[in-house]
Amino acid sequence: MHCYEVIPEGAVCKLYFDLEFHKPSNNGADGETMVSSLIQDEEDQAYLMDDTGNIELSQTPNQAPESTACPEEAMADVWGDGQDDRDYLESLDDFEQNNGDISDQLLLKCMADFESH
């Protein structure tokens, strides 16, 4: 089963950063506290805030169906070390260093460049 977010033509859509963690491996961890510690760093905030200072977070009790269908070992290989997230944030930082502030259009270009590698 695949789930898709459907955005009607002409509607506003926003890019978001999806934070996920394997709950059994993080027994006792509080997701809200983990997100709070991430957004306390000003450099991290630049990636999480829009130009008006809004931070949009979406919470779901479970991962997407295609993720939960994977065996735990496969999830560990894909998400366990968080390298994809670090690589993505590093690519944004590199882009920002070379081009100044990241506008929405430049952010989308950077994301497309990252995904093509």
Protein backbone atom coordinates (compact mmCIF):
# COMPACT_ATOMS: atom_id res chain seq x y z
CA MET A 1 0.00 0.00 0.00
CA HIS A 2 1.31 3.45 -0.88
CA CYS A 3 0.04 6.72 0.57
CA TYR A 4 0.39 10.06 -1.16
CA GLU A 5 -0.33 13.59 -0.08
CA VAL A 6 -2.62 15.11 -2.71
CA ILE A 7 -2.25 18.86 -3.18
CA PRO A 8 -4.94 20.43 -5.38
CA GLU A 9 -3.78 22.60 -8.28
CA GLY A 10 -3.30 26.18 -7.16
CA ALA A 11 -3.14 25.25 -3.47
CA VAL A 12 -0.20 26.20 -1.28
CA CYS A 13 2.18 23.35 -0.55
CA LYS A 14 5.13 23.49 1.82
CA LEU A 15 8.32 21.51 1.97
CA TYR A 16 8.82 19.80 5.31
CA PHE A 17 11.51 17.75 6.99
CA ASP A 18 10.14 14.44 8.26
CA LEU A 19 11.80 13.31 11.50
CA GLU A 20 11.35 9.63 12.26
CA PHE A 21 12.90 7.31 14.79
CA HIS A 22 12.54 3.62 15.57
CA LYS A 23 10.52 3.61 18.81
CA PRO A 24 11.64 0.15 20.09
CA SER A 25 15.29 1.22 19.76
CA ASN A 26 14.59 4.49 21.57
CA ASN A 27 12.56 3.17 24.48
CA GLY A 28 11.67 6.02 26.80
CA ALA A 29 12.70 8.72 24.32
CA ASP A 30 10.32 11.64 24.08
CA GLY A 31 9.79 12.75 20.48
CA GLU A 32 8.83 16.30 21.47
CA THR A 33 12.02 16.67 23.54
CA MET A 34 14.11 15.29 20.66
CA VAL A 35 12.59 17.83 18.24
CA SER A 36 13.03 20.65 20.79
CA SER A 37 16.74 19.87 21.14
CA LEU A 38 17.10 19.89 17.35
CA ILE A 39 15.48 23.30 16.88
CA GLN A 40 17.40 24.99 19.72
CA ASP A 41 20.46 25.39 17.49
CA GLU A 42 20.18 28.56 15.39
CA GLU A 43 21.74 26.93 12.32
CA ASP A 44 19.26 24.05 12.53
CA GLN A 45 16.44 26.57 12.88
CA ALA A 46 17.37 28.07 9.53
CA TYR A 47 16.41 24.76 7.94
CA LEU A 48 13.23 24.31 9.96
CA MET A 49 11.77 27.83 9.94
CA ASP A 50 10.15 29.66 7.10
CA ASP A 51 10.98 33.33 6.52
CA THR A 52 8.29 34.42 9.01
CA GLY A 53 9.72 32.25 11.80
CA ASN A 54 7.05 29.55 11.68
CA ILE A 55 8.02 25.97 12.40
CA GLU A 56 5.56 23.43 11.08
CA LEU A 57 5.53 19.99 12.65
CA SER A 58 3.31 17.04 11.86
CA GLN A 59 3.00 14.11 14.22
CA THR A 60 1.85 10.60 13.45
CA PRO A 61 1.94 7.69 15.92
CA ASN A 62 3.39 5.34 13.30
CA GLN A 63 5.60 5.59 10.28
CA ALA A 64 4.13 5.53 6.80
CA PRO A 65 2.71 2.12 5.81
CA GLU A 66 5.52 1.38 3.35
CA SER A 67 8.05 1.97 6.14
CA THR A 68 6.33 -0.14 8.76
CA ALA A 69 6.02 -2.99 6.27
CA CYS A 70 9.83 -3.28 6.13
CA PRO A 71 11.52 -5.73 8.45
CA GLU A 72 13.31 -4.10 11.39
CA GLU A 73 16.72 -4.94 9.90
CA ALA A 74 15.84 -3.14 6.67
CA MET A 75 14.69 -0.11 8.63
CA ALA A 76 17.97 -0.10 10.54
CA ASP A 77 19.92 -0.15 7.27
CA VAL A 78 17.91 2.71 5.81
CA TRP A 79 17.27 4.97 8.81
CA GLY A 80 19.44 3.65 11.61
CA ASP A 81 22.43 5.96 11.34
CA GLY A 82 20.59 9.05 10.07
CA GLN A 83 23.24 9.52 7.37
CA ASP A 84 20.62 10.45 4.75
CA ASP A 85 19.38 13.27 6.98
CA ARG A 86 22.91 14.51 7.67
CA ASP A 87 23.77 14.38 3.96
CA TYR A 88 20.62 16.31 3.08
CA LEU A 89 21.27 19.00 5.70
CA GLU A 90 24.92 19.19 4.60
CA SER A 91 23.84 19.72 1.00
CA LEU A 92 21.55 22.55 2.12
CA ASP A 93 24.38 24.10 4.13
CA ASP A 94 26.79 23.85 1.18
CA PHE A 95 24.22 25.42 -1.11
CA GLU A 96 23.57 28.23 1.39
CA GLN A 97 27.32 28.89 1.81
CA ASN A 98 27.75 29.21 -1.95
CA ASN A 99 24.54 31.11 -2.72
CA GLY A 100 23.48 33.05 0.40
CA ASP A 101 20.00 32.71 1.87
CA ILE A 102 17.89 29.84 0.65
CA SER A 103 14.64 30.98 -0.95
CA ASP A 104 11.85 28.47 -1.49
CA GLN A 105 12.78 28.11 -5.16
CA LEU A 106 16.46 27.61 -4.40
CA LEU A 107 15.60 25.13 -1.65
CA LEU A 108 13.58 23.07 -4.12
CA LYS A 109 16.49 23.16 -6.61
CA CYS A 110 18.91 22.04 -3.90
CA MET A 111 16.57 19.23 -2.90
CA ALA A 112 16.23 18.10 -6.53
CA ASP A 113 20.03 18.18 -6.97
CA PHE A 114 20.47 16.13 -3.79
CA GLU A 115 17.88 13.55 -4.83
CA SER A 116 19.51 13.12 -8.25
CA HIS A 117 22.78 11.90 -6.67
